[in-house]
Amino acid sequence: VLVFVGSYATTIKLKNIVLDFTTTTPIKIEQAEVNPKDLESLQKKFTDIELLSKGSSNQTKYEFSAAEVAAVVAMAPNPELKDNLSLTLNGSNFIGRGNLPLDLLGFNSYGLGGRYLTVEFEFSPQIQEGVLDIIDIKTLKFNGNDAPDAVKNQFKEKNVLKKTKMKVEHQQKLQAIKSLKIENSKLVVEFDKEKFIEAFKDAPPPPLPGAASESEQSQP
């Protein structure tokens, strides 16, 4: 979501518009506490996904609860992510808040360094055969203000990433997702086994943050 918002922000030309939708004070991000039961469940799923990438598992479909999704973000080793994004599930939607420093978007030269694009969002995504659609946007706010309809309409469309230049390896990983949807506050993901193995042939999927990968666990 922050990447999509950032792509839009970089197209803004007028400084006064940027000032309207940014702030010098980032919103406070409070991460959920990670329940040991959720951690154990996540560890098993991440291990199974790594085995799938090696062709050692036939399980291709996984479900993640709202608490598990929130835990993955809360455990992120990168403080820039953990301190600037909260994410969970609500019904059929992703719901969250985030801060995107304009410094990362190269706005320093416009005299806008030290400002943040703060975002609050609730939207319903869907992936079918590697194509991402935004089905509905319930909430999208920048700096506490509702985003203009023109901005919402840029995201709420079929194949929302069609205009985005992606590296080949990222395209392969997206194509490996046979389907993704949110149902009853659960993230349901199904992978195409052959495409998944091909996408991760050079490197396994990242392990659960803070936990050893399956290959590391097997070492004496």
N, C-alpha and C. Protein backbone atom coordinates (compact mmCIF):
# COMPACT_ATOMS: atom_id res chain seq x y z
N VAL A 1 0.83 -1.20 0.00
CA VAL A 1 0.00 0.00 0.00
C VAL A 1 0.86 1.25 0.00
N LEU A 2 1.91 1.28 0.87
CA LEU A 2 2.78 2.45 0.93
C LEU A 2 3.52 2.65 -0.39
N VAL A 3 3.85 1.55 -1.07
CA VAL A 3 4.52 1.67 -2.37
C VAL A 3 3.59 2.31 -3.38
N PHE A 4 2.29 1.89 -3.37
CA PHE A 4 1.33 2.47 -4.30
C PHE A 4 1.18 3.96 -4.03
N VAL A 5 1.03 4.30 -2.75
CA VAL A 5 0.86 5.69 -2.37
C VAL A 5 2.10 6.50 -2.74
N GLY A 6 3.28 5.91 -2.52
CA GLY A 6 4.51 6.59 -2.87
C GLY A 6 4.61 6.85 -4.36
N SER A 7 4.16 5.88 -5.18
CA SER A 7 4.20 6.06 -6.63
C SER A 7 3.34 7.24 -7.04
N TYR A 8 2.21 7.38 -6.37
CA TYR A 8 1.33 8.52 -6.68
C TYR A 8 1.97 9.82 -6.22
N ALA A 9 2.58 9.79 -5.02
CA ALA A 9 3.15 11.02 -4.45
C ALA A 9 4.25 11.59 -5.34
N THR A 10 5.02 10.71 -5.98
CA THR A 10 6.13 11.20 -6.80
C THR A 10 5.66 11.92 -8.05
N THR A 11 4.39 11.78 -8.41
CA THR A 11 3.87 12.46 -9.59
C THR A 11 3.33 13.84 -9.27
N ILE A 12 3.25 14.18 -8.01
CA ILE A 12 2.71 15.49 -7.62
C ILE A 12 3.74 16.58 -7.93
N LYS A 13 3.37 17.59 -8.64
CA LYS A 13 4.30 18.63 -9.06
C LYS A 13 4.22 19.89 -8.21
N LEU A 14 3.06 20.20 -7.69
CA LEU A 14 2.88 21.48 -7.00
C LEU A 14 3.15 21.34 -5.51
N LYS A 15 4.06 22.19 -5.01
CA LYS A 15 4.49 22.09 -3.63
C LYS A 15 3.35 22.30 -2.65
N ASN A 16 2.42 23.22 -2.96
CA ASN A 16 1.33 23.49 -2.02
C ASN A 16 0.41 22.29 -1.87
N ILE A 17 0.26 21.48 -2.92
CA ILE A 17 -0.56 20.28 -2.83
C ILE A 17 0.11 19.26 -1.91
N VAL A 18 1.44 19.14 -2.06
CA VAL A 18 2.18 18.22 -1.20
C VAL A 18 2.04 18.64 0.26
N LEU A 19 2.11 19.93 0.52
CA LEU A 19 1.99 20.42 1.89
C LEU A 19 0.62 20.09 2.48
N ASP A 20 -0.41 20.11 1.66
CA ASP A 20 -1.76 19.81 2.14
C ASP A 20 -1.90 18.37 2.60
N PHE A 21 -1.16 17.49 1.97
CA PHE A 21 -1.34 16.06 2.25
C PHE A 21 -0.18 15.43 3.01
N THR A 22 0.72 16.27 3.54
CA THR A 22 1.83 15.75 4.33
C THR A 22 1.96 16.53 5.63
N THR A 23 2.82 16.03 6.52
CA THR A 23 2.99 16.64 7.82
C THR A 23 4.43 16.44 8.30
N THR A 24 4.84 17.26 9.25
CA THR A 24 6.18 17.08 9.83
C THR A 24 6.15 16.10 11.00
N THR A 25 4.95 15.70 11.41
CA THR A 25 4.80 14.80 12.56
C THR A 25 4.18 13.48 12.11
N PRO A 26 4.94 12.40 12.11
CA PRO A 26 4.37 11.10 11.71
C PRO A 26 3.35 10.62 12.74
N ILE A 27 2.38 9.84 12.27
CA ILE A 27 1.40 9.28 13.19
C ILE A 27 2.06 8.17 14.01
N LYS A 28 1.59 8.00 15.23
CA LYS A 28 2.16 6.99 16.12
C LYS A 28 1.64 5.62 15.72
N ILE A 29 2.57 4.71 15.54
CA ILE A 29 2.22 3.35 15.15
C ILE A 29 2.35 2.44 16.37
N GLU A 30 1.27 1.79 16.73
CA GLU A 30 1.28 0.85 17.85
C GLU A 30 1.12 -0.56 17.30
N GLN A 31 2.11 -1.39 17.53
CA GLN A 31 2.09 -2.75 17.02
C GLN A 31 1.40 -3.69 18.02
N ALA A 32 0.75 -4.70 17.47
CA ALA A 32 0.09 -5.69 18.30
C ALA A 32 1.13 -6.57 18.99
N GLU A 33 0.80 -7.05 20.18
CA GLU A 33 1.67 -8.00 20.86
C GLU A 33 1.52 -9.37 20.20
N VAL A 34 2.64 -10.06 20.07
CA VAL A 34 2.63 -11.35 19.39
C VAL A 34 2.32 -12.46 20.39
N ASN A 35 1.21 -13.14 20.15
CA ASN A 35 0.79 -14.25 21.01
C ASN A 35 1.63 -15.48 20.68
N PRO A 36 2.12 -16.20 21.69
CA PRO A 36 2.94 -17.40 21.44
C PRO A 36 2.25 -18.42 20.54
N LYS A 37 0.93 -18.54 20.68
CA LYS A 37 0.19 -19.49 19.84
C LYS A 37 0.22 -19.05 18.38
N ASP A 38 0.07 -17.74 18.14
CA ASP A 38 0.14 -17.23 16.77
C ASP A 38 1.55 -17.41 16.21
N LEU A 39 2.55 -17.20 17.05
CA LEU A 39 3.94 -17.36 16.62
C LEU A 39 4.21 -18.80 16.20
N GLU A 40 3.72 -19.75 16.97
CA GLU A 40 3.92 -21.17 16.64
C GLU A 40 3.24 -21.52 15.32
N SER A 41 2.02 -21.00 15.13
CA SER A 41 1.28 -21.26 13.91
C SER A 41 1.99 -20.65 12.70
N LEU A 42 2.48 -19.43 12.85
CA LEU A 42 3.19 -18.77 11.77
C LEU A 42 4.48 -19.50 11.41
N GLN A 43 5.20 -19.95 12.42
CA GLN A 43 6.46 -20.66 12.17
C GLN A 43 6.22 -21.90 11.31
N LYS A 44 5.17 -22.63 11.62
CA LYS A 44 4.85 -23.84 10.84
C LYS A 44 4.51 -23.47 9.39
N LYS A 45 3.70 -22.42 9.22
CA LYS A 45 3.30 -22.03 7.87
C LYS A 45 4.49 -21.54 7.06
N PHE A 46 5.36 -20.73 7.67
CA PHE A 46 6.53 -20.24 6.94
C PHE A 46 7.48 -21.38 6.59
N THR A 47 7.61 -22.36 7.47
CA THR A 47 8.45 -23.52 7.19
C THR A 47 7.86 -24.33 6.04
N ASP A 48 6.53 -24.53 6.05
CA ASP A 48 5.88 -25.27 4.97
C ASP A 48 6.04 -24.55 3.63
N ILE A 49 5.96 -23.21 3.65
CA ILE A 49 6.11 -22.44 2.42
C ILE A 49 7.53 -22.57 1.87
N GLU A 50 8.51 -22.59 2.76
CA GLU A 50 9.89 -22.79 2.31
C GLU A 50 10.05 -24.18 1.69
N LEU A 51 9.42 -25.20 2.29
CA LEU A 51 9.48 -26.55 1.74
C LEU A 51 8.82 -26.60 0.36
N LEU A 52 7.72 -25.85 0.21
CA LEU A 52 7.03 -25.79 -1.08
C LEU A 52 7.96 -25.23 -2.15
N SER A 53 8.75 -24.21 -1.79
CA SER A 53 9.66 -23.59 -2.77
C SER A 53 10.73 -24.57 -3.24
N LYS A 54 10.99 -25.62 -2.44
CA LYS A 54 11.99 -26.63 -2.80
C LYS A 54 11.35 -27.85 -3.44
N GLY A 55 10.02 -27.82 -3.58
CA GLY A 55 9.32 -28.97 -4.15
C GLY A 55 9.11 -30.09 -3.17
N SER A 56 9.34 -29.83 -1.86
CA SER A 56 9.24 -30.87 -0.84
C SER A 56 7.89 -30.89 -0.13
N SER A 57 6.95 -30.08 -0.60
CA SER A 57 5.62 -30.05 -0.02
C SER A 57 4.60 -29.86 -1.13
N ASN A 58 3.42 -30.45 -0.94
CA ASN A 58 2.34 -30.30 -1.91
C ASN A 58 1.26 -29.34 -1.41
N GLN A 59 1.45 -28.80 -0.22
CA GLN A 59 0.46 -27.85 0.30
C GLN A 59 0.67 -26.50 -0.37
N THR A 60 -0.35 -26.02 -1.04
CA THR A 60 -0.24 -24.75 -1.77
C THR A 60 -1.18 -23.67 -1.25
N LYS A 61 -2.08 -24.02 -0.35
CA LYS A 61 -3.06 -23.06 0.13
C LYS A 61 -2.88 -22.81 1.63
N TYR A 62 -2.89 -21.54 2.02
CA TYR A 62 -2.64 -21.17 3.41
C TYR A 62 -3.63 -20.09 3.84
N GLU A 63 -3.98 -20.13 5.12
CA GLU A 63 -4.84 -19.11 5.72
C GLU A 63 -4.09 -18.44 6.86
N PHE A 64 -4.21 -17.11 6.92
CA PHE A 64 -3.58 -16.33 7.97
C PHE A 64 -4.65 -15.49 8.67
N SER A 65 -4.70 -15.60 9.98
CA SER A 65 -5.67 -14.82 10.74
C SER A 65 -5.24 -13.36 10.81
N ALA A 66 -6.17 -12.50 11.25
CA ALA A 66 -5.85 -11.08 11.42
C ALA A 66 -4.68 -10.90 12.39
N ALA A 67 -4.68 -11.70 13.46
CA ALA A 67 -3.61 -11.60 14.45
C ALA A 67 -2.27 -12.03 13.86
N GLU A 68 -2.28 -13.03 12.99
CA GLU A 68 -1.04 -13.50 12.37
C GLU A 68 -0.48 -12.47 11.40
N VAL A 69 -1.36 -11.82 10.63
CA VAL A 69 -0.92 -10.76 9.71
C VAL A 69 -0.29 -9.62 10.50
N ALA A 70 -0.95 -9.21 11.57
CA ALA A 70 -0.43 -8.13 12.41
C ALA A 70 0.91 -8.52 13.03
N ALA A 71 1.05 -9.79 13.40
CA ALA A 71 2.28 -10.27 14.03
C ALA A 71 3.46 -10.22 13.07
N VAL A 72 3.25 -10.57 11.80
CA VAL A 72 4.34 -10.55 10.82
C VAL A 72 4.92 -9.15 10.69
N VAL A 73 4.03 -8.13 10.66
CA VAL A 73 4.51 -6.74 10.58
C VAL A 73 5.21 -6.35 11.88
N ALA A 74 4.62 -6.73 13.00
CA ALA A 74 5.18 -6.36 14.31
C ALA A 74 6.56 -6.96 14.52
N MET A 75 6.84 -8.11 13.88
CA MET A 75 8.11 -8.80 14.05
C MET A 75 9.14 -8.42 12.98
N ALA A 76 8.78 -7.51 12.09
CA ALA A 76 9.69 -7.15 11.00
C ALA A 76 11.03 -6.68 11.54
N PRO A 77 12.14 -7.22 11.03
CA PRO A 77 13.47 -6.83 11.52
C PRO A 77 13.86 -5.41 11.12
N ASN A 78 13.24 -4.90 10.05
CA ASN A 78 13.54 -3.55 9.57
C ASN A 78 12.73 -2.53 10.36
N PRO A 79 13.37 -1.69 11.20
CA PRO A 79 12.61 -0.73 12.00
C PRO A 79 11.86 0.29 11.16
N GLU A 80 12.37 0.58 9.94
CA GLU A 80 11.67 1.52 9.08
C GLU A 80 10.29 1.00 8.69
N LEU A 81 10.15 -0.33 8.61
CA LEU A 81 8.86 -0.92 8.33
C LEU A 81 8.03 -1.03 9.60
N LYS A 82 8.63 -1.63 10.63
CA LYS A 82 7.89 -1.87 11.87
C LYS A 82 7.41 -0.59 12.53
N ASP A 83 8.23 0.46 12.46
CA ASP A 83 7.89 1.72 13.11
C ASP A 83 6.95 2.59 12.28
N ASN A 84 6.73 2.20 11.02
CA ASN A 84 5.96 3.06 10.14
C ASN A 84 4.76 2.39 9.49
N LEU A 85 4.43 1.18 9.92
CA LEU A 85 3.28 0.49 9.33
C LEU A 85 2.62 -0.43 10.35
N SER A 86 1.31 -0.35 10.43
CA SER A 86 0.52 -1.34 11.17
C SER A 86 -0.49 -1.91 10.19
N LEU A 87 -0.74 -3.21 10.28
CA LEU A 87 -1.60 -3.87 9.30
C LEU A 87 -2.34 -5.02 9.96
N THR A 88 -3.63 -5.12 9.68
CA THR A 88 -4.41 -6.25 10.15
C THR A 88 -5.55 -6.46 9.15
N LEU A 89 -6.51 -7.31 9.51
CA LEU A 89 -7.63 -7.63 8.63
C LEU A 89 -8.95 -7.27 9.30
N ASN A 90 -9.91 -6.89 8.48
CA ASN A 90 -11.25 -6.59 8.98
C ASN A 90 -12.27 -7.01 7.93
N GLY A 91 -12.96 -8.13 8.20
CA GLY A 91 -13.93 -8.62 7.23
C GLY A 91 -13.24 -9.09 5.97
N SER A 92 -13.43 -8.34 4.87
CA SER A 92 -12.78 -8.67 3.60
C SER A 92 -11.71 -7.65 3.24
N ASN A 93 -11.26 -6.89 4.23
CA ASN A 93 -10.35 -5.78 3.95
C ASN A 93 -9.03 -5.87 4.72
N PHE A 94 -7.99 -5.29 4.12
CA PHE A 94 -6.80 -4.89 4.85
C PHE A 94 -7.14 -3.57 5.54
N ILE A 95 -6.69 -3.39 6.76
CA ILE A 95 -6.89 -2.13 7.45
C ILE A 95 -5.58 -1.76 8.14
N GLY A 96 -5.18 -0.50 8.04
CA GLY A 96 -3.91 -0.13 8.64
C GLY A 96 -3.62 1.35 8.58
N ARG A 97 -2.43 1.69 9.08
CA ARG A 97 -1.94 3.06 9.10
C ARG A 97 -0.46 3.03 8.77
N GLY A 98 0.04 4.14 8.20
CA GLY A 98 1.45 4.15 7.88
C GLY A 98 2.01 5.55 7.67
N ASN A 99 3.34 5.64 7.73
CA ASN A 99 4.07 6.87 7.46
C ASN A 99 5.06 6.61 6.34
N LEU A 100 5.11 7.50 5.35
CA LEU A 100 6.08 7.38 4.29
C LEU A 100 6.90 8.67 4.23
N PRO A 101 8.18 8.63 4.65
CA PRO A 101 9.02 9.85 4.62
C PRO A 101 9.22 10.35 3.20
N LEU A 102 8.99 11.63 2.97
CA LEU A 102 9.18 12.19 1.64
C LEU A 102 10.66 12.16 1.25
N ASP A 103 11.55 12.09 2.25
CA ASP A 103 12.98 11.99 1.95
C ASP A 103 13.26 10.78 1.05
N LEU A 104 12.52 9.68 1.28
CA LEU A 104 12.74 8.47 0.49
C LEU A 104 12.29 8.63 -0.95
N LEU A 105 11.46 9.64 -1.20
CA LEU A 105 10.92 9.86 -2.54
C LEU A 105 11.66 10.94 -3.30
N GLY A 106 12.74 11.48 -2.69
CA GLY A 106 13.54 12.48 -3.38
C GLY A 106 12.96 13.88 -3.37
N PHE A 107 12.12 14.18 -2.36
CA PHE A 107 11.51 15.51 -2.29
C PHE A 107 12.39 16.54 -1.58
N ASN A 108 13.58 16.13 -1.14
CA ASN A 108 14.47 17.07 -0.44
C ASN A 108 14.76 18.30 -1.28
N SER A 109 14.96 18.08 -2.58
CA SER A 109 15.32 19.18 -3.46
C SER A 109 14.19 20.19 -3.63
N TYR A 110 12.98 19.80 -3.22
CA TYR A 110 11.85 20.72 -3.31
C TYR A 110 11.62 21.45 -1.98
N GLY A 111 12.54 21.28 -1.05
CA GLY A 111 12.38 21.89 0.25
C GLY A 111 11.34 21.20 1.11
N LEU A 112 11.12 19.91 0.86
CA LEU A 112 10.08 19.18 1.58
C LEU A 112 10.67 18.05 2.42
N GLY A 113 11.99 18.08 2.65
CA GLY A 113 12.60 17.06 3.50
C GLY A 113 12.07 17.15 4.92
N GLY A 114 12.03 15.99 5.60
CA GLY A 114 11.55 15.97 6.97
C GLY A 114 10.04 15.91 7.09
N ARG A 115 9.34 15.77 5.95
CA ARG A 115 7.88 15.66 5.99
C ARG A 115 7.47 14.21 5.72
N TYR A 116 6.25 13.88 6.13
CA TYR A 116 5.74 12.52 5.98
C TYR A 116 4.39 12.52 5.28
N LEU A 117 4.22 11.53 4.43
CA LEU A 117 2.90 11.25 3.88
C LEU A 117 2.28 10.22 4.83
N THR A 118 1.32 10.65 5.64
CA THR A 118 0.68 9.73 6.58
C THR A 118 -0.58 9.17 5.94
N VAL A 119 -0.78 7.88 6.11
CA VAL A 119 -1.85 7.19 5.40
C VAL A 119 -2.68 6.35 6.37
N GLU A 120 -3.98 6.41 6.20
CA GLU A 120 -4.90 5.49 6.87
C GLU A 120 -5.71 4.83 5.78
N PHE A 121 -5.85 3.52 5.82
CA PHE A 121 -6.50 2.83 4.71
C PHE A 121 -7.30 1.62 5.17
N GLU A 122 -8.31 1.32 4.39
CA GLU A 122 -9.07 0.08 4.52
C GLU A 122 -9.56 -0.26 3.11
N PHE A 123 -9.07 -1.37 2.58
CA PHE A 123 -9.44 -1.72 1.21
C PHE A 123 -9.46 -3.23 1.04
N SER A 124 -10.14 -3.65 -0.01
CA SER A 124 -10.30 -5.07 -0.30
C SER A 124 -9.53 -5.43 -1.57
N PRO A 125 -8.46 -6.25 -1.45
CA PRO A 125 -7.68 -6.66 -2.62
C PRO A 125 -8.06 -8.06 -3.08
N GLN A 126 -7.63 -8.37 -4.28
CA GLN A 126 -7.81 -9.71 -4.81
C GLN A 126 -6.73 -9.98 -5.84
N ILE A 127 -6.16 -11.17 -5.79
CA ILE A 127 -5.20 -11.58 -6.82
C ILE A 127 -5.73 -12.86 -7.46
N GLN A 128 -5.78 -12.85 -8.78
CA GLN A 128 -6.13 -14.04 -9.54
C GLN A 128 -5.08 -14.23 -10.63
N GLU A 129 -4.41 -15.38 -10.58
CA GLU A 129 -3.38 -15.71 -11.57
C GLU A 129 -2.35 -14.58 -11.70
N GLY A 130 -1.91 -14.05 -10.57
CA GLY A 130 -0.85 -13.05 -10.57
C GLY A 130 -1.29 -11.64 -10.89
N VAL A 131 -2.59 -11.40 -11.04
CA VAL A 131 -3.09 -10.06 -11.36
C VAL A 131 -3.78 -9.48 -10.14
N LEU A 132 -3.30 -8.30 -9.69
CA LEU A 132 -3.84 -7.66 -8.50
C LEU A 132 -4.95 -6.68 -8.87
N ASP A 133 -6.12 -6.88 -8.26
CA ASP A 133 -7.24 -5.95 -8.41
C ASP A 133 -7.58 -5.39 -7.04
N ILE A 134 -7.93 -4.11 -7.00
CA ILE A 134 -8.47 -3.52 -5.78
C ILE A 134 -9.98 -3.50 -5.95
N ILE A 135 -10.68 -4.32 -5.18
CA ILE A 135 -12.11 -4.49 -5.34
C ILE A 135 -12.88 -3.30 -4.78
N ASP A 136 -12.45 -2.84 -3.61
CA ASP A 136 -13.17 -1.74 -2.97
C ASP A 136 -12.21 -0.98 -2.06
N ILE A 137 -12.38 0.33 -1.97
CA ILE A 137 -11.63 1.17 -1.04
C ILE A 137 -12.63 1.81 -0.09
N LYS A 138 -12.62 1.33 1.14
CA LYS A 138 -13.56 1.85 2.13
C LYS A 138 -13.03 3.14 2.75
N THR A 139 -11.71 3.18 3.00
CA THR A 139 -11.08 4.36 3.60
C THR A 139 -9.72 4.59 2.97
N LEU A 140 -9.44 5.83 2.63
CA LEU A 140 -8.10 6.23 2.20
C LEU A 140 -7.92 7.69 2.59
N LYS A 141 -7.06 7.91 3.58
CA LYS A 141 -6.83 9.26 4.08
C LYS A 141 -5.35 9.59 4.06
N PHE A 142 -5.02 10.81 3.66
CA PHE A 142 -3.67 11.34 3.73
C PHE A 142 -3.68 12.49 4.72
N ASN A 143 -2.80 12.40 5.74
CA ASN A 143 -2.71 13.46 6.74
C ASN A 143 -4.06 13.75 7.38
N GLY A 144 -4.86 12.69 7.58
CA GLY A 144 -6.16 12.83 8.23
C GLY A 144 -7.27 13.30 7.32
N ASN A 145 -6.96 13.60 6.05
CA ASN A 145 -7.96 14.09 5.11
C ASN A 145 -8.31 13.01 4.10
N ASP A 146 -9.59 12.92 3.76
CA ASP A 146 -10.01 11.96 2.74
C ASP A 146 -9.29 12.21 1.43
N ALA A 147 -8.79 11.15 0.82
CA ALA A 147 -8.11 11.29 -0.47
C ALA A 147 -9.12 11.70 -1.53
N PRO A 148 -8.69 12.52 -2.49
CA PRO A 148 -9.58 12.90 -3.59
C PRO A 148 -10.06 11.66 -4.35
N ASP A 149 -11.27 11.73 -4.91
CA ASP A 149 -11.81 10.61 -5.67
C ASP A 149 -10.89 10.21 -6.81
N ALA A 150 -10.21 11.19 -7.40
CA ALA A 150 -9.31 10.90 -8.51
C ALA A 150 -8.19 9.97 -8.08
N VAL A 151 -7.73 10.14 -6.83
CA VAL A 151 -6.67 9.27 -6.31
C VAL A 151 -7.22 7.88 -6.04
N LYS A 152 -8.37 7.81 -5.40
CA LYS A 152 -8.99 6.51 -5.11
C LYS A 152 -9.22 5.73 -6.40
N ASN A 153 -9.65 6.44 -7.43
CA ASN A 153 -9.95 5.77 -8.69
C ASN A 153 -8.70 5.20 -9.35
N GLN A 154 -7.52 5.78 -9.06
CA GLN A 154 -6.27 5.24 -9.61
C GLN A 154 -5.97 3.86 -9.03
N PHE A 155 -6.37 3.66 -7.79
CA PHE A 155 -6.11 2.38 -7.13
C PHE A 155 -7.23 1.38 -7.34
N LYS A 156 -8.47 1.87 -7.37
CA LYS A 156 -9.62 0.99 -7.48
C LYS A 156 -9.87 0.64 -8.93
N GLU A 157 -9.09 -0.28 -9.45
CA GLU A 157 -9.22 -0.69 -10.84
C GLU A 157 -8.67 -2.09 -11.01
N LYS A 158 -8.95 -2.66 -12.15
CA LYS A 158 -8.43 -3.98 -12.48
C LYS A 158 -6.94 -3.87 -12.81
N ASN A 159 -6.19 -4.87 -12.40
CA ASN A 159 -4.75 -4.93 -12.69
C ASN A 159 -4.07 -3.62 -12.31
N VAL A 160 -4.16 -3.28 -11.03
CA VAL A 160 -3.69 -1.98 -10.55
C VAL A 160 -2.19 -1.78 -10.76
N LEU A 161 -1.44 -2.86 -10.94
CA LEU A 161 0.01 -2.74 -11.12
C LEU A 161 0.43 -2.70 -12.58
N LYS A 162 -0.51 -2.62 -13.51
CA LYS A 162 -0.15 -2.72 -14.93
C LYS A 162 0.77 -1.60 -15.39
N LYS A 163 0.72 -0.44 -14.73
CA LYS A 163 1.56 0.68 -15.13
C LYS A 163 2.85 0.76 -14.32
N THR A 164 3.02 -0.18 -13.41
CA THR A 164 4.19 -0.17 -12.54
C THR A 164 5.33 -0.99 -13.16
N LYS A 165 6.51 -0.41 -13.21
CA LYS A 165 7.67 -1.12 -13.73
C LYS A 165 8.24 -2.00 -12.62
N MET A 166 8.15 -3.30 -12.82
CA MET A 166 8.61 -4.25 -11.82
C MET A 166 9.79 -5.05 -12.34
N LYS A 167 10.70 -5.39 -11.43
CA LYS A 167 11.81 -6.26 -11.79
C LYS A 167 11.25 -7.64 -12.16
N VAL A 168 11.99 -8.34 -13.00
CA VAL A 168 11.54 -9.65 -13.47
C VAL A 168 11.28 -10.60 -12.31
N GLU A 169 12.19 -10.59 -11.32
CA GLU A 169 12.02 -11.51 -10.19
C GLU A 169 10.79 -11.20 -9.37
N HIS A 170 10.42 -9.90 -9.29
CA HIS A 170 9.20 -9.53 -8.58
C HIS A 170 7.96 -9.95 -9.37
N GLN A 171 8.03 -9.84 -10.68
CA GLN A 171 6.93 -10.28 -11.52
C GLN A 171 6.71 -11.78 -11.37
N GLN A 172 7.80 -12.52 -11.30
CA GLN A 172 7.69 -13.98 -11.15
C GLN A 172 7.04 -14.35 -9.82
N LYS A 173 7.40 -13.64 -8.77
CA LYS A 173 6.82 -13.93 -7.46
C LYS A 173 5.33 -13.62 -7.45
N LEU A 174 4.94 -12.54 -8.11
CA LEU A 174 3.52 -12.19 -8.18
C LEU A 174 2.76 -13.22 -8.99
N GLN A 175 3.35 -13.66 -10.10
CA GLN A 175 2.71 -14.66 -10.95
C GLN A 175 2.56 -16.01 -10.24
N ALA A 176 3.39 -16.24 -9.23
CA ALA A 176 3.33 -17.51 -8.48
C ALA A 176 2.12 -17.56 -7.55
N ILE A 177 1.46 -16.42 -7.35
CA ILE A 177 0.26 -16.38 -6.51
C ILE A 177 -0.95 -16.71 -7.38
N LYS A 178 -1.50 -17.88 -7.19
CA LYS A 178 -2.66 -18.29 -7.97
C LYS A 178 -3.90 -17.51 -7.56
N SER A 179 -4.05 -17.30 -6.26
CA SER A 179 -5.18 -16.49 -5.78
C SER A 179 -4.86 -15.95 -4.39
N LEU A 180 -5.41 -14.79 -4.13
CA LEU A 180 -5.30 -14.16 -2.81
C LEU A 180 -6.59 -13.39 -2.57
N LYS A 181 -7.17 -13.59 -1.39
CA LYS A 181 -8.37 -12.87 -1.02
C LYS A 181 -8.50 -12.84 0.49
N ILE A 182 -9.35 -11.96 0.97
CA ILE A 182 -9.61 -11.87 2.41
C ILE A 182 -11.06 -12.23 2.65
N GLU A 183 -11.28 -13.22 3.49
CA GLU A 183 -12.63 -13.68 3.81
C GLU A 183 -12.75 -13.84 5.32
N ASN A 184 -13.81 -13.26 5.89
CA ASN A 184 -14.07 -13.41 7.33
C ASN A 184 -12.83 -13.12 8.16
N SER A 185 -12.15 -12.03 7.81
CA SER A 185 -10.94 -11.58 8.52
C SER A 185 -9.82 -12.61 8.48
N LYS A 186 -9.74 -13.35 7.38
CA LYS A 186 -8.64 -14.28 7.15
C LYS A 186 -8.06 -14.05 5.77
N LEU A 187 -6.74 -14.01 5.69
CA LEU A 187 -6.05 -13.87 4.41
C LEU A 187 -5.83 -15.28 3.85
N VAL A 188 -6.43 -15.53 2.69
CA VAL A 188 -6.35 -16.85 2.07
C VAL A 188 -5.48 -16.74 0.81
N VAL A 189 -4.36 -17.46 0.82
CA VAL A 189 -3.42 -17.40 -0.29
C VAL A 189 -3.21 -18.80 -0.86
N GLU A 190 -3.26 -18.90 -2.18
CA GLU A 190 -2.97 -20.16 -2.86
C GLU A 190 -1.89 -19.92 -3.89
N PHE A 191 -0.86 -20.76 -3.89
CA PHE A 191 0.25 -20.63 -4.81
C PHE A 191 0.15 -21.64 -5.95
N ASP A 192 0.70 -21.28 -7.09
CA ASP A 192 0.90 -22.22 -8.18
C ASP A 192 2.25 -22.89 -7.92
N LYS A 193 2.23 -24.19 -7.66
CA LYS A 193 3.45 -24.86 -7.20
C LYS A 193 4.61 -24.71 -8.17
N GLU A 194 4.40 -24.99 -9.45
CA GLU A 194 5.49 -24.93 -10.42
C GLU A 194 6.05 -23.51 -10.54
N LYS A 195 5.16 -22.52 -10.60
CA LYS A 195 5.62 -21.14 -10.71
C LYS A 195 6.30 -20.67 -9.43
N PHE A 196 5.83 -21.20 -8.29
CA PHE A 196 6.43 -20.83 -7.01
C PHE A 196 7.86 -21.36 -6.91
N ILE A 197 8.05 -22.59 -7.31
CA ILE A 197 9.40 -23.19 -7.29
C ILE A 197 10.33 -22.40 -8.22
N GLU A 198 9.84 -22.04 -9.39
CA GLU A 198 10.66 -21.30 -10.36
C GLU A 198 11.00 -19.92 -9.81
N ALA A 199 10.03 -19.25 -9.15
CA ALA A 199 10.25 -17.89 -8.66
C ALA A 199 11.29 -17.85 -7.55
N PHE A 200 11.41 -18.96 -6.80
CA PHE A 200 12.33 -18.97 -5.66
C PHE A 200 13.47 -19.97 -5.85
N LYS A 201 13.79 -20.29 -7.09
CA LYS A 201 14.84 -21.28 -7.34
C LYS A 201 16.22 -20.81 -6.91
N ASP A 202 16.46 -19.49 -6.96
CA ASP A 202 17.77 -18.96 -6.60
C ASP A 202 17.90 -18.61 -5.12
N ALA A 203 16.77 -18.45 -4.44
CA ALA A 203 16.79 -18.11 -3.00
C ALA A 203 15.44 -18.47 -2.41
N PRO A 204 15.42 -19.09 -1.23
CA PRO A 204 14.15 -19.49 -0.62
C PRO A 204 13.38 -18.27 -0.15
N PRO A 205 12.07 -18.42 0.07
CA PRO A 205 11.29 -17.32 0.62
C PRO A 205 11.87 -16.90 1.97
N PRO A 206 11.74 -15.63 2.34
CA PRO A 206 12.29 -15.19 3.63
C PRO A 206 11.62 -15.91 4.79
N PRO A 207 12.40 -16.27 5.82
CA PRO A 207 11.81 -16.94 6.98
C PRO A 207 11.00 -15.96 7.81
N LEU A 208 10.22 -16.49 8.73
CA LEU A 208 9.48 -15.65 9.66
C LEU A 208 10.47 -14.80 10.43
N PRO A 209 10.28 -13.47 10.50
CA PRO A 209 11.23 -12.62 11.22
C PRO A 209 11.48 -13.12 12.64
N GLY A 210 12.78 -13.22 12.99
CA GLY A 210 13.13 -13.64 14.33
C GLY A 210 13.16 -15.14 14.52
N ALA A 211 12.86 -15.90 13.45
CA ALA A 211 12.84 -17.36 13.56
C ALA A 211 13.78 -17.95 12.53
N ALA A 212 14.32 -19.13 12.81
CA ALA A 212 15.23 -19.80 11.90
C ALA A 212 14.45 -20.39 10.74
N SER A 213 15.06 -20.39 9.56
CA SER A 213 14.44 -21.01 8.41
C SER A 213 14.52 -22.53 8.54
N GLU A 214 13.80 -23.23 7.66
CA GLU A 214 13.81 -24.69 7.70
C GLU A 214 15.20 -25.23 7.46
N SER A 215 15.95 -24.59 6.52
CA SER A 215 17.30 -25.06 6.23
C SER A 215 18.24 -24.84 7.41
N GLU A 216 18.06 -23.72 8.12
CA GLU A 216 18.90 -23.43 9.28
C GLU A 216 18.59 -24.40 10.41
N GLN A 217 17.30 -24.77 10.55
CA GLN A 217 16.91 -25.70 11.61
C GLN A 217 17.52 -27.08 11.40
N SER A 218 17.75 -27.43 10.13
CA SER A 218 18.26 -28.77 9.81
C SER A 218 19.75 -28.90 10.03
N GLN A 219 20.43 -27.74 10.21
CA GLN A 219 21.87 -27.79 10.43
C GLN A 219 22.18 -28.27 11.84
N PRO A 220 23.25 -29.06 12.01
CA PRO A 220 23.62 -29.56 13.35
C PRO A 220 24.11 -28.43 14.24
